[in-house]
Amino acid sequence: MFNIKARLLALGLVASLGAADTAGLGFGEVDVIFPRNGTFGPMTLAPIVFAFQNPAAIDRLYPYISYGLWPADLPNGNQTLSSNLVEEHLPNTTGTVSFLQASVANTLNTENEWEFVWKMDWTNCSTPANGTTSDVERGLAESPDVTLRNYWLGHSIRFTTKKGANQPNLTALTAGDKCSDTSALAFNVTKTLRAQADYYEGEKCAVLESPAPTATPCKVSIAPAAASSISSTLTAGQCIAFTPAISCPAKKGGAAINEVTSQLKWWAAGVLLVGKFFI
């Protein structure tokens, strides 16, 4: 469920902003690495992996990403986007590409047809055509009125689990003729403005080009070492759950031998939330 911040955005938030950067952050994109269309072998621990191209640009959109996974024939009334991958800020905005991963346990371990739905909410700054201004700091300065508007778009992916099929290979899925077979959203941040008051005071907001650019998911590739790292992260996260769905390292002195690093702490809560709804 979205928190009060998201509800404010959904209503449309008007803030007083001043000019910040004259240059934009450029092209940014959100790509679903897995799930995606196709047939895969049943899996006890299914990965949910998103890639963010130019994550610094995506972060200025204040993204809210939620997702749900259910049998394809589940009635609409029972379908709920019950898991949040990110709310407002990405945990890592450095580099050209960053990844977020979560997992779903004890769901895709049977043969079936599945539907994965994800939804992203984002903001876009805009200035009024009449050029009106607002007083800032008790009238000592003026800045243009800027409206932060909230948008959202949902995507659906259908896939099948069948005995004898291959397990998902993140390296193969981002290479060759498979790389474009995914769901994606692309943006072009032409400039940013810094909020002077109200909810986003002191933070930058993206101004987006319209229409949006064409997505280029084939720019993302996952090397075998990176795929192994993602798999290890998912395994470590599952092994701190109360009832792990997989075999985990033996415990020593009441604590797991494989300690979870501080980098995993933000993600661990998401794993437990997923477990609550899907295990």
Foldseek 3Di string as FASTA:
>chain_A
DDDPVVVCQQVWDWFAWAADDQAWLWKKKKWWLDDAAEEAAQDQKAKTKIKIFQQVRVLLFQKWKFKWKDAPPDDPVPTDRQFTQDGGGDPDRDDRMDMTMEIAGPFRNDWGKMKMKMKMKTWAKDFDPVQDWDAAPVNPDIHTTIIIHMDMDMDMHMYTHDHPGHHDDSQVCLDDPNQVRTDMDMWTFGGWIATCDDDRHGDIHGHTDPPGDDDDRNVDGADPVNSVVSVVLNLVLQVVEPDRSDDAADPDPPHHPDDDDPVCPVVSVSRNSSHVPRD
